[in-house]
Amino acid sequence: SCSPCHFPESGKVKPLDTYEATAKNIDDILSRVQLPIDHEGYMPFKSKKPAFTDRQIAVLKKWQSEKMPK
């Protein structure tokens, strides 16, 4: 749901294609994928890609709570 916008080769916004980039931005990622779909900051932008599922969000929350283990 983050590509191609957040991948360097074709992305025009903050890259999120590495563990380090994801770990650094996990709080923002989580807050934006959980916004109401009609909110200006919701991701994926304008619903161009499928929304994150509850299960995917749960995985991200677990990573965040565990301080992003590798």
Protein backbone atom coordinates (compact mmCIF):
# COMPACT_ATOMS: atom_id res chain seq x y z
CA SER A 1 0.00 0.00 0.00
CA CYS A 2 3.01 2.31 0.31
CA SER A 3 4.50 1.77 -3.12
CA PRO A 4 5.26 3.34 -5.48
CA CYS A 5 4.81 6.68 -3.72
CA HIS A 6 7.20 5.94 -0.83
CA PHE A 7 9.83 4.06 -2.82
CA PRO A 8 12.81 6.12 -4.10
CA GLU A 9 12.91 5.13 -7.75
CA SER A 10 9.48 6.56 -8.47
CA GLY A 11 8.46 8.07 -5.17
CA LYS A 12 7.87 11.76 -4.71
CA VAL A 13 7.54 11.70 -0.94
CA LYS A 14 9.39 10.42 2.13
CA PRO A 15 10.97 7.03 1.30
CA LEU A 16 9.75 4.10 3.41
CA ASP A 17 11.56 1.28 1.64
CA THR A 18 13.95 0.21 4.38
CA TYR A 19 13.70 -1.09 7.92
CA GLU A 20 15.43 2.04 9.19
CA ALA A 21 13.01 4.39 7.42
CA THR A 22 10.01 2.42 8.64
CA ALA A 23 11.31 2.29 12.22
CA LYS A 24 12.03 6.02 12.21
CA ASN A 25 8.52 6.81 10.95
CA ILE A 26 6.39 4.10 12.61
CA ASP A 27 4.43 6.56 14.77
CA ASP A 28 3.46 8.66 11.75
CA ILE A 29 2.70 5.59 9.64
CA LEU A 30 0.38 4.18 12.29
CA SER A 31 -1.42 7.44 12.90
CA ARG A 32 -2.02 8.05 9.19
CA VAL A 33 -3.25 4.56 8.26
CA GLN A 34 -5.77 4.74 11.12
CA LEU A 35 -7.28 8.11 10.24
CA PRO A 36 -10.80 8.21 8.80
CA ILE A 37 -10.63 7.49 5.07
CA ASP A 38 -11.93 10.96 4.21
CA HIS A 39 -9.31 12.74 6.37
CA GLU A 40 -6.76 14.82 4.47
CA GLY A 41 -3.80 12.97 6.03
CA TYR A 42 -5.14 9.44 5.51
CA MET A 43 -2.83 6.95 3.86
CA PRO A 44 -2.79 5.46 1.34
CA PHE A 45 -3.31 8.83 -0.31
CA LYS A 46 -6.73 9.23 -1.90
CA SER A 47 -7.20 5.49 -1.54
CA LYS A 48 -5.03 4.83 -4.59
CA LYS A 49 -3.97 1.57 -2.96
CA PRO A 50 -5.82 -0.80 -0.65
CA ALA A 51 -6.19 0.34 2.94
CA PHE A 52 -4.23 -1.49 5.59
CA THR A 53 -6.20 -4.35 7.09
CA ASP A 54 -6.81 -4.60 10.83
CA ARG A 55 -4.31 -7.46 10.89
CA GLN A 56 -1.62 -5.39 9.17
CA ILE A 57 -2.21 -2.52 11.57
CA ALA A 58 -1.95 -4.94 14.48
CA VAL A 59 1.46 -6.10 13.20
CA LEU A 60 2.68 -2.52 12.95
CA LYS A 61 1.42 -1.80 16.48
CA LYS A 62 3.23 -4.87 17.77
CA TRP A 63 6.47 -3.81 16.11
CA GLN A 64 6.06 -0.35 17.59
CA SER A 65 5.36 -1.66 21.10
CA GLU A 66 8.38 -3.96 20.88
CA LYS A 67 10.62 -1.08 19.75
CA MET A 68 10.85 -2.38 16.16
CA PRO A 69 12.76 -5.66 16.59
CA LYS A 70 14.55 -6.95 13.52
